[in-house]
C-alpha atoms as a PDB file:
ATOM      1  CA  MET A   1      53.013  -7.318  40.942  1.00  0.00           C
ATOM      2  CA  SER A   2      52.951  -4.092  41.595  1.00  0.00           C
ATOM      3  CA  PRO A   3      49.564  -2.231  42.337  1.00  0.00           C
ATOM      4  CA  ARG A   4      49.753  -0.668  38.726  1.00  0.00           C
ATOM      5  CA  ASN A   5      49.516  -4.023  37.037  1.00  0.00           C
ATOM      6  CA  SER A   6      46.583  -5.066  39.192  1.00  0.00           C
ATOM      7  CA  VAL A   7      44.238  -2.178  38.273  1.00  0.00           C
ATOM      8  CA  VAL A   8      45.031  -1.679  34.853  1.00  0.00           C
ATOM      9  CA  PRO A   9      42.664  -4.587  33.695  1.00  0.00           C
ATOM     10  CA  VAL A  10      39.792  -3.236  36.408  1.00  0.00           C
ATOM     11  CA  VAL A  11      39.919  -0.246  34.612  1.00  0.00           C
ATOM     12  CA  ALA A  12      40.236  -1.543  30.998  1.00  0.00           C
ATOM     13  CA  SER A  13      37.370  -3.916  31.588  1.00  0.00           C
ATOM     14  CA  GLY A  14      34.814  -1.070  33.197  1.00  0.00           C
ATOM     15  CA  THR A  15      35.843   1.478  30.564  1.00  0.00           C
ATOM     16  CA  ALA A  16      34.851  -1.373  27.928  1.00  0.00           C
ATOM     17  CA  THR A  17      31.530  -2.263  30.202  1.00  0.00           C
ATOM     18  CA  VAL A  18      30.776   1.881  30.288  1.00  0.00           C
ATOM     19  CA  VAL A  19      31.570   2.731  26.053  1.00  0.00           C
ATOM     20  CA  LYS A  20      28.900  -0.459  25.364  1.00  0.00           C
ATOM     21  CA  LEU A  21      26.383   0.916  27.640  1.00  0.00           C
ATOM     22  CA  LEU A  22      26.960   4.452  26.139  1.00  0.00           C
ATOM     23  CA  ALA A  23      26.652   2.818  22.689  1.00  0.00           C
ATOM     24  CA  VAL A  24      23.363   0.551  23.515  1.00  0.00           C
ATOM     25  CA  THR A  25      21.782   3.878  25.161  1.00  0.00           C
ATOM     26  CA  LEU A  26      22.613   6.286  21.875  1.00  0.00           C
ATOM     27  CA  ALA A  27      21.171   3.417  20.246  1.00  0.00           C
ATOM     28  CA  PHE A  28      17.975   3.171  21.906  1.00  0.00           C
ATOM     29  CA  ALA A  29      17.712   6.953  22.174  1.00  0.00           C
ATOM     30  CA  GLY A  30      18.174   7.244  18.474  1.00  0.00           C
ATOM     31  CA  LEU A  31      15.791   4.822  17.667  1.00  0.00           C
ATOM     32  CA  TYR A  32      12.954   6.452  19.893  1.00  0.00           C
ATOM     33  CA  VAL A  33      13.493   9.913  18.556  1.00  0.00           C
ATOM     34  CA  GLY A  34      13.615   8.758  15.171  1.00  0.00           C
ATOM     35  CA  ALA A  35       9.879   6.447  15.221  1.00  0.00           C
ATOM     36  CA  ASP A  36       8.708   9.840  17.285  1.00  0.00           C
ATOM     37  CA  THR A  37       9.576  11.950  13.904  1.00  0.00           C
ATOM     38  CA  LEU A  38       8.459   9.611  11.827  1.00  0.00           C
ATOM     39  CA  ASP A  39       5.261   9.588  13.038  1.00  0.00           C
ATOM     40  CA  GLY A  40       4.832  13.287  14.342  1.00  0.00           C
ATOM     41  CA  SER A  41       6.830  15.249  11.414  1.00  0.00           C
ATOM     42  CA  SER A  42       4.946  13.579   8.753  1.00  0.00           C
ATOM     43  CA  ARG A  43       1.654  13.854   9.920  1.00  0.00           C
ATOM     44  CA  ALA A  44       2.729  18.203  10.876  1.00  0.00           C
ATOM     45  CA  ARG A  45       3.534  18.426   7.588  1.00  0.00           C
ATOM     46  CA  ALA A  46       0.369  16.977   5.954  1.00  0.00           C
ATOM     47  CA  GLN A  47      -1.986  18.819   8.456  1.00  0.00           C
ATOM     48  CA  SER A  48      -0.096  22.205   8.334  1.00  0.00           C
ATOM     49  CA  ALA A  49      -0.466  21.950   4.261  1.00  0.00           C
ATOM     50  CA  GLY A  50      -4.316  21.986   5.187  1.00  0.00           C
ATOM     51  CA  GLN A  51      -4.818  19.070   2.983  1.00  0.00           C
ATOM     52  CA  ASP A  52      -5.037  15.269   2.593  1.00  0.00           C
ATOM     53  CA  ARG A  53      -1.885  13.332   0.955  1.00  0.00           C
ATOM     54  CA  VAL A  54      -3.346  11.257  -1.928  1.00  0.00           C
ATOM     55  CA  ARG A  55      -0.132   9.121  -4.098  1.00  0.00           C
ATOM     56  CA  THR A  56      -2.004   8.249  -7.144  1.00  0.00           C
ATOM     57  CA  LEU A  57      -1.016   4.812  -8.426  1.00  0.00           C
ATOM     58  CA  THR A  58      -1.535   4.492 -12.070  1.00  0.00           C
ATOM     59  CA  LEU A  59      -1.994   1.225 -12.428  1.00  0.00           C
ATOM     60  CA  SER A  60      -3.682   0.019 -15.574  1.00  0.00           C
ATOM     61  CA  ALA A  61      -4.251  -2.620 -18.549  1.00  0.00           C
ATOM     62  CA  ASP A  62      -2.674  -0.553 -20.874  1.00  0.00           C
ATOM     63  CA  ALA A  63      -0.127   1.661 -19.482  1.00  0.00           C
ATOM     64  CA  ALA A  64      -1.310   4.930 -19.937  1.00  0.00           C
ATOM     65  CA  ALA A  65      -0.958   8.088 -17.663  1.00  0.00           C
ATOM     66  CA  ALA A  66      -4.051   8.954 -15.750  1.00  0.00           C
ATOM     67  CA  ALA A  67      -4.572  11.818 -13.206  1.00  0.00           C
ATOM     68  CA  THR A  68      -7.105  11.561 -10.005  1.00  0.00           C
ATOM     69  CA  GLU A  69     -10.125  12.575 -11.399  1.00  0.00           C
ATOM     70  CA  ARG A  70      -9.653  11.724 -14.779  1.00  0.00           C
ATOM     71  CA  GLU A  71     -11.825   9.102 -16.046  1.00  0.00           C
ATOM     72  CA  PRO A  72     -10.478   5.652 -16.793  1.00  0.00           C
ATOM     73  CA  ALA A  73     -10.273   4.985 -20.781  1.00  0.00           C
ATOM     74  CA  GLN A  74     -11.765   2.129 -21.850  1.00  0.00           C
ATOM     75  CA  GLY A  75      -9.379  -0.972 -21.061  1.00  0.00           C
ATOM     76  CA  GLU A  76      -8.203   0.640 -18.350  1.00  0.00           C
ATOM     77  CA  VAL A  77      -8.001  -0.380 -14.731  1.00  0.00           C
ATOM     78  CA  SER A  78      -7.029   2.383 -12.445  1.00  0.00           C
ATOM     79  CA  VAL A  79      -6.325   2.041  -8.610  1.00  0.00           C
ATOM     80  CA  ASP A  80      -5.899   5.065  -6.807  1.00  0.00           C
ATOM     81  CA  GLU A  81      -4.359   4.898  -2.959  1.00  0.00           C
ATOM     82  CA  GLN A  82      -6.742   6.952  -0.641  1.00  0.00           C
ATOM     83  CA  PRO A  83      -5.418   8.700   2.960  1.00  0.00           C
ATOM     84  CA  PRO A  84      -4.647   6.076   5.593  1.00  0.00           C
ATOM     85  CA  GLY A  85      -7.032   5.283   7.942  1.00  0.00           C
ATOM     86  CA  GLY A  86      -4.587   4.006   9.949  1.00  0.00           C
ATOM     87  CA  ARG A  87      -0.971   2.469  10.673  1.00  0.00           C
ATOM     88  CA  CYS A  88      -1.935  -0.481   8.454  1.00  0.00           C
ATOM     89  CA  ASP A  89      -5.183   0.215   6.828  1.00  0.00           C
ATOM     90  CA  ARG A  90      -4.803   1.099   3.017  1.00  0.00           C
ATOM     91  CA  PRO A  91      -7.788   2.428   1.298  1.00  0.00           C
ATOM     92  CA  TYR A  92      -8.390   2.087  -2.549  1.00  0.00           C
ATOM     93  CA  ARG A  93     -10.291   3.681  -5.037  1.00  0.00           C
ATOM     94  CA  VAL A  94     -10.259   1.366  -8.399  1.00  0.00           C
ATOM     95  CA  ARG A  95     -12.607   2.714 -11.303  1.00  0.00           C
ATOM     96  CA  SER A  96     -12.820   0.907 -14.616  1.00  0.00           C
ATOM     97  CA  VAL A  97     -15.384   2.147 -17.959  1.00  0.00           C
ATOM     98  CA  ILE A  98     -17.251  -0.753 -19.240  1.00  0.00           C
ATOM     99  CA  THR A  99     -19.253  -0.764 -22.440  1.00  0.00           C
ATOM    100  CA  ASN A 100     -22.161  -2.809 -22.844  1.00  0.00           C
ATOM    101  CA  ALA A 101     -22.728  -4.212 -26.243  1.00  0.00           C
ATOM    102  CA  ASP A 102     -26.363  -4.552 -26.174  1.00  0.00           C
ATOM    103  CA  PRO A 103     -27.701  -1.524 -24.484  1.00  0.00           C
ATOM    104  CA  GLU A 104     -31.079  -2.830 -24.243  1.00  0.00           C
ATOM    105  CA  SER A 105     -29.305  -5.892 -21.481  1.00  0.00           C
ATOM    106  CA  THR A 106     -28.277  -5.924 -18.460  1.00  0.00           C
ATOM    107  CA  VAL A 107     -24.176  -6.519 -18.278  1.00  0.00           C
ATOM    108  CA  SER A 108     -22.752  -7.969 -14.637  1.00  0.00           C
ATOM    109  CA  TYR A 109     -19.035  -7.791 -13.603  1.00  0.00           C
ATOM    110  CA  ASP A 110     -16.918  -9.021 -10.331  1.00  0.00           C
ATOM    111  CA  TRP A 111     -13.878  -7.544  -8.952  1.00  0.00           C
ATOM    112  CA  GLN A 112     -11.278  -9.403  -7.573  1.00  0.00           C
ATOM    113  CA  LEU A 113      -8.096  -8.274  -4.936  1.00  0.00           C
ATOM    114  CA  GLN A 114      -5.778 -10.842  -5.858  1.00  0.00           C
ATOM    115  CA  ARG A 115      -3.046 -11.077  -3.625  1.00  0.00           C
ATOM    116  CA  TRP A 116       0.587 -12.620  -4.824  1.00  0.00           C
ATOM    117  CA  SER A 117       1.746 -15.766  -3.007  1.00  0.00           C
ATOM    118  CA  PRO A 118       5.579 -16.979  -3.058  1.00  0.00           C
ATOM    119  CA  ALA A 119       4.639 -20.008  -1.214  1.00  0.00           C
ATOM    120  CA  SER A 120       1.880 -21.229  -4.388  1.00  0.00           C
ATOM    121  CA  ARG A 121       3.900 -18.703  -6.796  1.00  0.00           C
ATOM    122  CA  SER A 122       0.296 -17.806  -8.089  1.00  0.00           C
ATOM    123  CA  TRP A 123      -2.133 -15.025  -7.649  1.00  0.00           C
ATOM    124  CA  LEU A 124      -5.106 -15.965  -4.567  1.00  0.00           C
ATOM    125  CA  THR A 125      -8.184 -13.812  -4.598  1.00  0.00           C
ATOM    126  CA  TYR A 126      -8.387 -11.755  -1.069  1.00  0.00           C
ATOM    127  CA  MET A 127     -11.414 -10.047  -2.240  1.00  0.00           C
ATOM    128  CA  THR A 128     -14.252 -10.324  -4.431  1.00  0.00           C
ATOM    129  CA  SER A 129     -17.365  -7.676  -5.223  1.00  0.00           C
ATOM    130  CA  GLY A 130     -19.664  -7.505  -8.136  1.00  0.00           C
ATOM    131  CA  GLY A 131     -22.329  -5.315  -9.403  1.00  0.00           C
ATOM    132  CA  GLY A 132     -23.921  -4.654 -12.762  1.00  0.00           C
ATOM    133  CA  PHE A 133     -25.799  -2.477 -14.964  1.00  0.00           C
ATOM    134  CA  GLY A 134     -28.231  -1.579 -17.867  1.00  0.00           C
ATOM    135  CA  GLY A 135     -27.275   1.365 -20.623  1.00  0.00           C
ATOM    136  CA  GLU A 136     -24.394   1.922 -23.174  1.00  0.00           C
ATOM    137  CA  LYS A 137     -21.530   2.666 -21.125  1.00  0.00           C
ATOM    138  CA  ARG A 138     -20.567   3.344 -17.262  1.00  0.00           C
ATOM    139  CA  THR A 139     -17.386   4.221 -14.911  1.00  0.00           C
ATOM    140  CA  VAL A 140     -17.711   1.300 -12.246  1.00  0.00           C
ATOM    141  CA  GLU A 141     -16.321   1.898  -8.953  1.00  0.00           C
ATOM    142  CA  TRP A 142     -14.809  -0.299  -6.352  1.00  0.00           C
ATOM    143  CA  GLN A 143     -13.227   0.998  -2.572  1.00  0.00           C
ATOM    144  CA  PRO A 144     -11.327  -1.889  -0.932  1.00  0.00           C
ATOM    145  CA  ARG A 145      -9.563  -2.118   2.346  1.00  0.00           C
ATOM    146  CA  ILE A 146      -6.689  -4.011   2.608  1.00  0.00           C
ATOM    147  CA  VAL A 147      -5.944  -3.942   6.861  1.00  0.00           C
ATOM    148  CA  ASP A 148      -2.991  -5.368   8.231  1.00  0.00           C
ATOM    149  CA  ASN A 149      -2.043  -7.487   5.308  1.00  0.00           C
ATOM    150  CA  PRO A 150       1.592  -6.140   3.324  1.00  0.00           C
ATOM    151  CA  GLY A 151       2.385  -7.974   0.312  1.00  0.00           C
ATOM    152  CA  VAL A 152       1.800  -7.808  -3.807  1.00  0.00           C
ATOM    153  CA  TYR A 153      -1.632  -7.371  -5.002  1.00  0.00           C
ATOM    154  CA  ARG A 154      -3.412  -6.564  -8.115  1.00  0.00           C
ATOM    155  CA  VAL A 155      -7.026  -5.836  -9.041  1.00  0.00           C
ATOM    156  CA  LYS A 156      -9.051  -8.226 -11.743  1.00  0.00           C
ATOM    157  CA  LEU A 157     -12.442  -7.301 -13.144  1.00  0.00           C
ATOM    158  CA  SER A 158     -14.388  -9.818 -15.571  1.00  0.00           C
ATOM    159  CA  VAL A 159     -16.861  -8.825 -17.803  1.00  0.00           C
ATOM    160  CA  SER A 160     -20.091 -11.033 -18.957  1.00  0.00           C
ATOM    161  CA  GLY A 161     -18.762 -11.581 -21.959  1.00  0.00           C
ATOM    162  CA  GLY A 162     -15.634 -12.824 -21.226  1.00  0.00           C
ATOM    163  CA  GLU A 163     -14.067  -9.468 -21.360  1.00  0.00           C
ATOM    164  CA  THR A 164     -11.055  -9.756 -18.114  1.00  0.00           C
ATOM    165  CA  LEU A 165      -8.736  -6.518 -17.113  1.00  0.00           C
ATOM    166  CA  ARG A 166      -6.425  -6.541 -15.066  1.00  0.00           C
ATOM    167  CA  SER A 167      -3.942  -3.675 -13.292  1.00  0.00           C
ATOM    168  CA  GLU A 168      -0.572  -3.933 -12.806  1.00  0.00           C
ATOM    169  CA  LYS A 169       0.949  -5.065  -9.402  1.00  0.00           C
ATOM    170  CA  PHE A 170       1.128  -2.874  -6.553  1.00  0.00           C
ATOM    171  CA  MET A 171       3.128  -3.390  -3.047  1.00  0.00           C
ATOM    172  CA  VAL A 172       1.140  -2.149   0.066  1.00  0.00           C
ATOM    173  CA  SER A 173       3.118  -2.110   3.031  1.00  0.00           C
ATOM    174  CA  CYS A 174       3.068  -0.795   6.553  1.00  0.00           C
END
């Protein structure tokens, strides 16, 4: 056996190891730079613009288009995503207009934030709130916050007298 034949397998296996180590190093460097860029550049852009980024989700029972500051239409539940409070902290502003059939009496209402459960294939109550008012008509508002719980959600509004409104479903991700 010549000395050349005994060196070739060692060099070949050493080259393969170096190539593997180089590929792994580049992958980790790419992940590190990518994660830093995703976190830093989006924050820097929002700060350089001098304004908070607000993505409006127009979710309504009648699917009408709405602007963020517009009062929701009768029979509509609008859900607006507010600026996030942290990595997986999603605050929302939910609004609807309620008309009281008897302005001399009090009308009560209940909000439910519901989360879709793939296991039970049903909507489960995640959070609730309620209120009431006297008078003819009022825009009601609720500000739920979803923390560390990604999934598919919707808002349900139940008004005394039997009226029930639901928003369209929306995805929360971290």
